[in-house]
Each structure stands twice: as C-alpha cells, then as structure tokens.
Amino acid sequence: MLQITCSGTPYEIGLKHGQEAKTQISRSITFYAGLFEQTAKLDWPKVRDLAMTFEPVMRRKWPAYLKEIGGIAEGAGVELADIIAINVRTEIAFGLFSDGCTALGWRTEDGSFLAQNWDWMEAQKENLIVLTIEQQDKPTIKMVTEAGLIGKIGLNSAGVGVCLNAIKVKGMDPTRIPCHLGLRMVLESESRNEAVRQLEKYGVASSCHMLVADPTGSIGLEWSSVEVQKVKMNGKEQVFHSNHYLAKHVGVEDTNWLEDSTFRVTRIEELCKGLKGSPTVEGLFELFKDEENYPGAICRAQVEPSGSASLFNIVMDLKQRVATVTLGRPVTPEEVVQLAF
C-alpha cells in the first residue's frame, strides 16, 4: 500500500495527498463512476452535480475539510466536484455504496482493542492507502483510506480509534455531516467522549455504524439521517457489530441488506468467547480468518452470492497506540503494515 505523510495547513495536507496518490485517486473516481452508472443509473456529471450540493454546507460548517478536499483536487489534477463526490459517495445514493465489515471493540485490564475486516469490491483494493496526517493542536492521525477520502478507519496519537460498518437505510440529510467526514472528526478527537459529543452536535447525514474507542473502552453509534442509537459495552466490556441495526430505531426501516450480517455478528462474539487467555493483537487477527458460512463469512470472499471480499484487516490496541494492518483476505495476506506512535 502507498504510504503518505501529510502536514501543514488543511490545503497543504490535501495537496500532498493529491500529488502522491494521483494515480490511485484517478482510479477511485473511475471505480465509483462505473459503480454509480451500473447500480443507480447516474452518470458521473450527475453525481458531480449532486456532490456539489454539499459544498455550501461544508464551507459553512467544516471549512477546513473543504480546504483539504480542494488541496486533494489540485494535487491530483481533478475537479473539486470529483473529490467531494467520492467523499460523500455514501450519501448520494442513500448508503447504497457503503462498505461492509465485521467489527469488535474489547476493553481488558491489559488493553483496549478495536478491530475489523473491511469488506468491499476487489477492484478498489489497489486504491487503498495508509495516510498519516499531522496537524497543529490536533492529534496525529494514522488511517487506512481509499485514495481521495479524508476520513476512514484508523487511530490517533491520543489513543482514539474508529471502525465503520455499512447500514443500508433510506434517508439522507445534507445539513448533517457526511459519514466519511464524521470518521475524520472522530480521528481528530482527544477522547471517545469528545468524539461522541462532536458527532452528536452535527448528526450524520446517512445511515452507518461507527465503532468509536479509546483506552477506556468502546461505544457503537448507529446513525440514521434523523437520529442516533448507542450500543454500549456488554458485561465483558465488548461491543460487536456488522451491517444491521442492533438497537431499535423508531420510524426507520433497516433493510438488513446483507443476509449474512446477523450470522457474522453472532459468530465473532462466539469466537471471542472461545479465545483462551487475554486478547492480543495477534490473537484477535486469527479470529478474523474465520470462513464459517463462506463466502459470506467474517473473512469474506467475492464469490456469488457475495459481492464483496475482505480487502484489509486492522487490529488496534489503543492503550499502546499501535495497530497492525493486513492487506487482502486475512487467510491470504498480501502485505502487513504497522502503525505506531
């Protein structure tokens, strides 16, 4: 995976991201252009027009993010609308193009762990990058993201981490923060509680689940375009999640769009119960190799009827402020990258 370190002003951070990931960003735009055309009958000019409806809200509420996005566009030699579009891809089609995964948070006496397999279409794997962002008066961020996206999955130097699960529920509110910008907001927070407060201040524009953690533990935030429900740690200080709502959401209909979602969240809890001794980064990674219910397994494969595969695994220990990222399906790893502060 391409690894990029960015620092300076929001524009300078974006400019370096765009310059160094120019090829991957171009491919990401091509990938999503094809996907929107195929599944939603939206051509890229129409997608760009829809994306630009978010620009005035970003300029008013999150100007630093818009400046960074502008820097990415400049560095990659593409239009501002192209980069906004891939950053709000979840919102444009009511979550249709969100990624799936199985995730867990687990606090113990020895560590506070956050882990997931990120599942999406194989074609996008080549466009994953590791991004380090250094900003004045904010924690340093290390995350795995799709090239051109300013927020995704990772941790920061304050020991705050975040994972993402897709939830496919109709509804979108462009006055609330787009999902991937919300992930970035978490990674700029000094604590789990601060992250929750910031997200609740703005709300999230479309359905998704964010698993937010720090050394004190984790909390699941199940968002719709109108409200949030919280999934708190169980008696063993664990949170498990996949791609459907676990809490009750009044007036919101969950499509439970992946039939294997219920199986996976139950399976990962069972595997954790069977883990001998205290969890470790290495031990938790082994759980994410599980292929029970293949291809719709925790370790997912892009074989019919599954339309996606596990493209990377990440296991974080937020007390130690370290993470291990494994590219590819955990049973057939292609590359391992260590993130540490």
Protein backbone atom coordinates (compact mmCIF):
# COMPACT_ATOMS: atom_id res chain seq x y z
CA MET A 1 0.00 0.00 0.00
CA LEU A 2 1.11 3.52 -0.74
CA GLN A 3 2.03 5.33 2.50
CA ILE A 4 1.81 9.12 2.64
CA THR A 5 2.61 11.53 5.46
CA CYS A 6 0.96 14.96 5.24
CA SER A 7 1.39 18.02 7.45
CA GLY A 8 0.75 21.75 7.48
CA THR A 9 -2.43 23.64 6.70
CA PRO A 10 -5.54 21.78 5.55
CA TYR A 11 -4.80 22.80 1.96
CA GLU A 12 -1.16 21.65 2.22
CA ILE A 13 -2.27 18.32 3.70
CA GLY A 14 -4.69 17.81 0.83
CA LEU A 15 -2.21 18.94 -1.81
CA LYS A 16 0.38 16.35 -0.79
CA HIS A 17 -2.29 13.63 -0.56
CA GLY A 18 -3.45 14.51 -4.07
CA GLN A 19 0.02 14.74 -5.57
CA GLU A 20 1.34 11.46 -4.13
CA ALA A 21 -1.86 9.44 -4.66
CA LYS A 22 -2.74 10.92 -8.06
CA THR A 23 -2.90 7.54 -9.81
CA GLN A 24 -4.95 5.89 -7.05
CA ILE A 25 -7.35 8.85 -6.88
CA SER A 26 -7.93 8.72 -10.63
CA ARG A 27 -8.69 5.02 -10.38
CA SER A 28 -11.04 5.61 -7.41
CA ILE A 29 -13.02 8.14 -9.42
CA THR A 30 -13.22 5.71 -12.34
CA PHE A 31 -14.33 2.92 -10.00
CA TYR A 32 -17.14 4.94 -8.43
CA ALA A 33 -18.21 6.45 -11.73
CA GLY A 34 -18.72 2.94 -13.08
CA LEU A 35 -20.47 1.77 -9.93
CA PHE A 36 -22.96 4.65 -9.84
CA GLU A 37 -23.68 4.17 -13.55
CA GLN A 38 -24.23 0.45 -13.13
CA THR A 39 -26.30 0.39 -9.95
CA ALA A 40 -28.07 3.75 -9.81
CA LYS A 41 -28.11 4.80 -13.50
CA LEU A 42 -26.34 8.02 -12.54
CA ASP A 43 -23.63 9.22 -14.90
CA TRP A 44 -20.61 10.97 -13.39
CA PRO A 45 -21.68 14.52 -14.37
CA LYS A 46 -24.94 13.96 -12.48
CA VAL A 47 -23.04 12.54 -9.49
CA ARG A 48 -20.77 15.60 -9.50
CA ASP A 49 -23.80 17.91 -9.58
CA LEU A 50 -25.31 16.10 -6.59
CA ALA A 51 -21.99 16.21 -4.76
CA MET A 52 -21.70 19.97 -5.17
CA THR A 53 -24.94 20.47 -3.24
CA PHE A 54 -22.84 19.57 -0.18
CA GLU A 55 -20.25 22.27 -0.89
CA PRO A 56 -22.11 25.25 0.69
CA VAL A 57 -22.77 23.25 3.88
CA MET A 58 -19.11 22.16 4.07
CA ARG A 59 -17.95 25.74 3.52
CA ARG A 60 -20.15 26.97 6.35
CA LYS A 61 -19.74 24.16 8.91
CA TRP A 62 -16.44 22.38 8.12
CA PRO A 63 -14.31 24.82 6.10
CA ALA A 64 -11.02 23.08 6.98
CA TYR A 65 -12.30 19.82 5.47
CA LEU A 66 -13.37 21.63 2.31
CA LYS A 67 -9.93 23.26 2.03
CA GLU A 68 -8.26 19.85 2.38
CA ILE A 69 -10.56 18.40 -0.27
CA GLY A 70 -9.69 21.34 -2.51
CA GLY A 71 -5.99 20.62 -1.99
CA ILE A 72 -6.51 16.97 -2.95
CA ALA A 73 -8.28 18.03 -6.15
CA GLU A 74 -5.49 20.46 -7.02
CA GLY A 75 -2.76 17.93 -6.31
CA ALA A 76 -4.45 15.15 -8.26
CA GLY A 77 -5.32 17.40 -11.19
CA VAL A 78 -9.08 16.80 -10.98
CA GLU A 79 -12.11 18.98 -10.25
CA LEU A 80 -13.29 19.84 -6.73
CA ALA A 81 -16.60 18.11 -7.52
CA ASP A 82 -14.77 14.83 -8.21
CA ILE A 83 -13.21 14.74 -4.75
CA ILE A 84 -16.35 15.89 -2.94
CA ALA A 85 -18.25 13.15 -4.80
CA ILE A 86 -16.06 10.30 -3.56
CA ASN A 87 -16.10 11.72 -0.03
CA VAL A 88 -19.93 11.82 0.01
CA ARG A 89 -20.50 8.66 -2.04
CA THR A 90 -22.42 7.10 0.86
CA GLU A 91 -24.87 9.99 0.98
CA ILE A 92 -25.50 10.42 -2.75
CA ALA A 93 -27.34 7.11 -3.07
CA PHE A 94 -28.73 6.74 0.48
CA GLY A 95 -25.96 4.38 1.54
CA LEU A 96 -26.18 2.08 -1.45
CA PHE A 97 -22.43 2.15 -1.98
CA SER A 98 -21.28 1.80 1.60
CA ASP A 99 -18.74 -0.79 2.59
CA GLY A 100 -19.44 -3.71 4.90
CA CYS A 101 -17.47 -5.38 7.63
CA THR A 102 -17.41 -7.24 10.92
CA ALA A 103 -16.07 -5.22 13.86
CA LEU A 104 -15.37 -5.56 17.56
CA GLY A 105 -14.31 -3.40 20.49
CA TRP A 106 -12.95 -5.05 23.66
CA ARG A 107 -11.52 -3.42 26.77
CA THR A 108 -9.47 -5.53 29.19
CA GLU A 109 -7.06 -4.90 32.04
CA ASP A 110 -4.19 -5.20 29.56
CA GLY A 111 -5.51 -3.35 26.51
CA SER A 112 -8.34 -1.66 24.68
CA PHE A 113 -8.79 -3.34 21.32
CA LEU A 114 -10.62 -2.27 18.18
CA ALA A 115 -10.64 -4.50 15.11
CA GLN A 116 -12.41 -5.21 11.85
CA ASN A 117 -12.30 -6.72 8.40
CA TRP A 118 -13.23 -4.09 5.82
CA ASP A 119 -15.26 -5.64 3.02
CA TRP A 120 -15.73 -4.06 -0.39
CA MET A 121 -15.27 -4.85 -4.07
CA GLU A 122 -11.90 -6.31 -5.06
CA ALA A 123 -11.39 -3.66 -7.75
CA GLN A 124 -10.96 -0.97 -5.08
CA LYS A 125 -8.20 -2.78 -3.16
CA GLU A 126 -5.44 -1.30 -5.33
CA ASN A 127 -6.63 2.19 -4.35
CA LEU A 128 -6.25 1.76 -0.57
CA ILE A 129 -3.57 3.92 1.02
CA VAL A 130 -2.12 4.47 4.51
CA LEU A 131 -2.36 8.14 5.40
CA THR A 132 -0.58 9.91 8.26
CA ILE A 133 -1.86 13.42 8.98
CA GLU A 134 -0.01 15.81 11.28
CA GLN A 135 -1.93 18.96 12.27
CA GLN A 136 -1.22 21.76 14.71
CA ASP A 137 -3.12 21.46 18.02
CA LYS A 138 -4.74 18.16 16.99
CA PRO A 139 -3.74 14.52 17.46
CA THR A 140 -1.71 12.91 14.69
CA ILE A 141 -3.83 10.50 12.62
CA LYS A 142 -2.85 7.19 11.05
CA MET A 143 -5.57 5.56 8.94
CA VAL A 144 -6.30 3.26 6.05
CA THR A 145 -8.46 5.04 3.49
CA GLU A 146 -9.49 4.96 -0.11
CA ALA A 147 -7.36 7.42 -2.07
CA GLY A 148 -9.01 10.83 -2.08
CA LEU A 149 -11.09 10.28 1.08
CA ILE A 150 -10.15 12.45 4.07
CA GLY A 151 -11.59 10.09 6.69
CA LYS A 152 -11.80 6.33 7.15
CA ILE A 153 -10.60 3.65 9.59
CA GLY A 154 -7.69 4.06 11.99
CA LEU A 155 -6.39 5.63 15.19
CA ASN A 156 -4.68 8.74 16.50
CA SER A 157 -1.89 9.70 18.87
CA ALA A 158 -4.42 10.29 21.69
CA GLY A 159 -5.45 6.64 21.52
CA VAL A 160 -8.80 7.23 19.81
CA GLY A 161 -9.79 4.77 17.08
CA VAL A 162 -12.75 4.20 14.80
CA CYS A 163 -14.19 1.41 12.64
CA LEU A 164 -17.06 1.60 10.15
CA ASN A 165 -19.97 -0.69 9.28
CA ALA A 166 -22.36 -0.04 6.41
CA ILE A 167 -26.05 0.20 7.28
CA LYS A 168 -28.38 0.40 4.28
CA VAL A 169 -31.36 2.52 5.31
CA LYS A 170 -33.06 5.04 3.06
CA GLY A 171 -32.76 8.68 4.03
CA MET A 172 -30.20 11.48 3.74
CA ASP A 173 -29.94 14.92 5.32
CA PRO A 174 -27.38 17.18 3.57
CA THR A 175 -27.28 19.57 6.55
CA ARG A 176 -25.62 16.86 8.68
CA ILE A 177 -22.01 15.71 8.40
CA PRO A 178 -21.27 13.11 5.67
CA CYS A 179 -20.24 9.72 7.04
CA HIS A 180 -16.59 9.81 5.97
CA LEU A 181 -16.11 13.37 7.22
CA GLY A 182 -17.59 12.16 10.51
CA LEU A 183 -14.93 9.45 10.69
CA ARG A 184 -12.30 12.15 10.25
CA MET A 185 -13.91 14.15 13.06
CA VAL A 186 -13.54 11.13 15.36
CA LEU A 187 -9.87 10.84 14.45
CA GLU A 188 -9.32 14.48 15.37
CA SER A 189 -10.75 13.95 18.87
CA GLU A 190 -8.78 13.65 22.11
CA SER A 191 -11.13 11.03 23.61
CA ARG A 192 -14.04 8.74 22.85
CA ASN A 193 -16.41 11.06 24.74
CA GLU A 194 -15.23 14.11 22.80
CA ALA A 195 -15.77 12.25 19.53
CA VAL A 196 -19.32 11.33 20.51
CA ARG A 197 -20.09 14.91 21.56
CA GLN A 198 -18.80 16.33 18.28
CA LEU A 199 -20.77 13.86 16.16
CA GLU A 200 -23.95 14.44 18.17
CA LYS A 201 -23.52 18.18 17.67
CA TYR A 202 -23.81 17.83 13.89
CA GLY A 203 -25.54 14.48 13.32
CA VAL A 204 -24.52 12.16 10.47
CA ALA A 205 -26.11 12.62 7.05
CA SER A 206 -26.89 8.99 6.24
CA SER A 207 -27.09 5.56 7.84
CA CYS A 208 -23.92 3.87 9.11
CA HIS A 209 -22.42 2.40 12.26
CA MET A 210 -19.28 3.88 13.78
CA LEU A 211 -17.46 1.92 16.46
CA VAL A 212 -15.54 4.52 18.47
CA ALA A 213 -13.00 3.58 21.15
CA ASP A 214 -10.16 4.83 23.30
CA PRO A 215 -8.18 3.29 26.20
CA THR A 216 -11.30 3.49 28.43
CA GLY A 217 -13.45 1.32 26.12
CA SER A 218 -15.72 1.48 23.08
CA ILE A 219 -19.20 2.53 22.02
CA GLY A 220 -21.23 1.79 18.92
CA LEU A 221 -23.03 4.69 17.22
CA GLU A 222 -25.84 3.56 14.93
CA TRP A 223 -26.72 6.54 12.75
CA SER A 224 -29.68 7.21 10.52
CA SER A 225 -30.29 10.51 8.76
CA VAL A 226 -32.54 11.57 11.64
CA GLU A 227 -31.10 10.16 14.87
CA VAL A 228 -28.52 8.01 16.64
CA GLN A 229 -28.81 4.99 18.91
CA LYS A 230 -25.89 3.84 21.06
CA VAL A 231 -24.65 0.28 21.50
CA LYS A 232 -22.86 0.15 24.84
CA MET A 233 -20.30 -2.37 26.05
CA ASN A 234 -21.65 -5.63 27.41
CA GLY A 235 -20.72 -7.11 30.79
CA LYS A 236 -17.37 -8.21 29.38
CA GLU A 237 -16.69 -4.67 28.11
CA GLN A 238 -17.19 -5.72 24.48
CA VAL A 239 -19.10 -4.32 21.51
CA PHE A 240 -19.73 -6.39 18.37
CA HIS A 241 -21.25 -5.16 15.12
CA SER A 242 -21.81 -5.98 11.46
CA ASN A 243 -24.16 -4.48 8.86
CA HIS A 244 -27.56 -4.13 10.51
CA TYR A 245 -29.01 -2.17 13.41
CA LEU A 246 -28.78 -3.84 16.81
CA ALA A 247 -30.75 -1.13 18.63
CA LYS A 248 -34.36 -0.08 17.98
CA HIS A 249 -34.77 2.93 15.69
CA VAL A 250 -38.24 4.49 15.72
CA GLY A 251 -39.58 5.38 12.29
CA VAL A 252 -36.58 3.88 10.46
CA GLU A 253 -36.68 0.66 8.45
CA ASP A 254 -33.50 -1.40 8.34
CA THR A 255 -33.20 -3.38 5.11
CA ASN A 256 -30.68 -5.80 6.67
CA TRP A 257 -29.19 -5.74 3.18
CA LEU A 258 -26.58 -8.45 3.72
CA GLU A 259 -28.23 -11.74 4.64
CA ASP A 260 -25.11 -12.93 6.45
CA SER A 261 -24.87 -9.85 8.70
CA THR A 262 -26.68 -11.49 11.64
CA PHE A 263 -24.55 -14.61 11.31
CA ARG A 264 -21.29 -12.64 11.35
CA VAL A 265 -22.03 -10.55 14.44
CA THR A 266 -23.09 -13.69 16.33
CA ARG A 267 -20.06 -15.60 15.06
CA ILE A 268 -17.47 -13.02 16.12
CA GLU A 269 -18.96 -12.95 19.63
CA GLU A 270 -18.79 -16.76 19.80
CA LEU A 271 -15.16 -16.74 18.66
CA CYS A 272 -14.24 -14.19 21.32
CA LYS A 273 -15.88 -16.36 23.99
CA GLY A 274 -13.69 -19.25 22.86
CA LEU A 275 -10.47 -17.24 22.94
CA LYS A 276 -8.09 -18.63 25.55
CA GLY A 277 -6.32 -16.15 27.79
CA SER A 278 -6.32 -12.39 27.40
CA PRO A 279 -6.82 -10.99 23.90
CA THR A 280 -3.80 -9.78 21.96
CA VAL A 281 -3.41 -8.10 18.58
CA GLU A 282 -2.11 -11.38 17.14
CA GLY A 283 -4.84 -13.49 18.74
CA LEU A 284 -7.66 -11.23 17.54
CA PHE A 285 -6.29 -11.26 13.99
CA GLU A 286 -6.62 -15.04 13.97
CA LEU A 287 -10.37 -14.70 14.67
CA PHE A 288 -10.83 -12.60 11.55
CA LYS A 289 -9.57 -15.51 9.41
CA ASP A 290 -12.81 -17.37 10.16
CA GLU A 291 -14.50 -18.71 6.99
CA GLU A 292 -17.59 -20.30 8.52
CA ASN A 293 -20.58 -19.54 6.23
CA TYR A 294 -18.25 -18.95 3.23
CA PRO A 295 -18.41 -16.79 1.12
CA GLY A 296 -20.49 -14.60 3.45
CA ALA A 297 -18.07 -15.19 6.30
CA ILE A 298 -16.17 -12.90 8.64
CA CYS A 299 -13.31 -13.46 6.20
CA ARG A 300 -15.43 -12.65 3.18
CA ALA A 301 -14.81 -13.71 -0.43
CA GLN A 302 -16.11 -12.05 -3.60
CA VAL A 303 -17.80 -15.19 -4.88
CA GLU A 304 -21.51 -15.30 -5.72
CA PRO A 305 -23.78 -14.55 -3.96
CA SER A 306 -21.30 -12.34 -2.07
CA GLY A 307 -20.50 -9.16 -3.99
CA SER A 308 -17.52 -8.16 -1.88
CA ALA A 309 -14.41 -9.51 -0.18
CA SER A 310 -12.40 -8.64 2.93
CA LEU A 311 -9.88 -6.17 1.48
CA PHE A 312 -7.98 -5.49 4.69
CA ASN A 313 -7.96 -6.24 8.39
CA ILE A 314 -6.95 -3.83 11.12
CA VAL A 315 -6.38 -4.65 14.80
CA MET A 316 -5.66 -1.73 17.13
CA ASP A 317 -4.51 -1.67 20.75
CA LEU A 318 -5.48 1.83 21.82
CA LYS A 319 -3.74 1.66 25.19
CA GLN A 320 -0.47 1.03 23.38
CA ARG A 321 -1.45 3.28 20.42
CA VAL A 322 -0.44 0.67 17.87
CA ALA A 323 -2.21 -1.11 15.02
CA THR A 324 -1.49 -3.88 12.56
CA VAL A 325 -2.98 -3.56 9.07
CA THR A 326 -3.09 -6.65 6.84
CA LEU A 327 -3.91 -6.08 3.18
CA GLY A 328 -6.00 -8.77 1.49
CA ARG A 329 -8.15 -11.50 2.99
CA PRO A 330 -6.66 -12.49 6.38
CA VAL A 331 -6.30 -16.12 5.21
CA THR A 332 -4.19 -14.96 2.24
CA PRO A 333 -2.38 -11.83 3.46
CA GLU A 334 -0.59 -9.78 0.82
CA GLU A 335 1.13 -7.12 2.93
CA VAL A 336 1.40 -6.14 6.60
CA VAL A 337 1.84 -2.55 7.76
CA GLN A 338 2.47 -1.49 11.37
CA LEU A 339 1.03 1.79 12.62
CA ALA A 340 2.50 3.17 15.83
CA PHE A 341 3.05 6.41 17.72
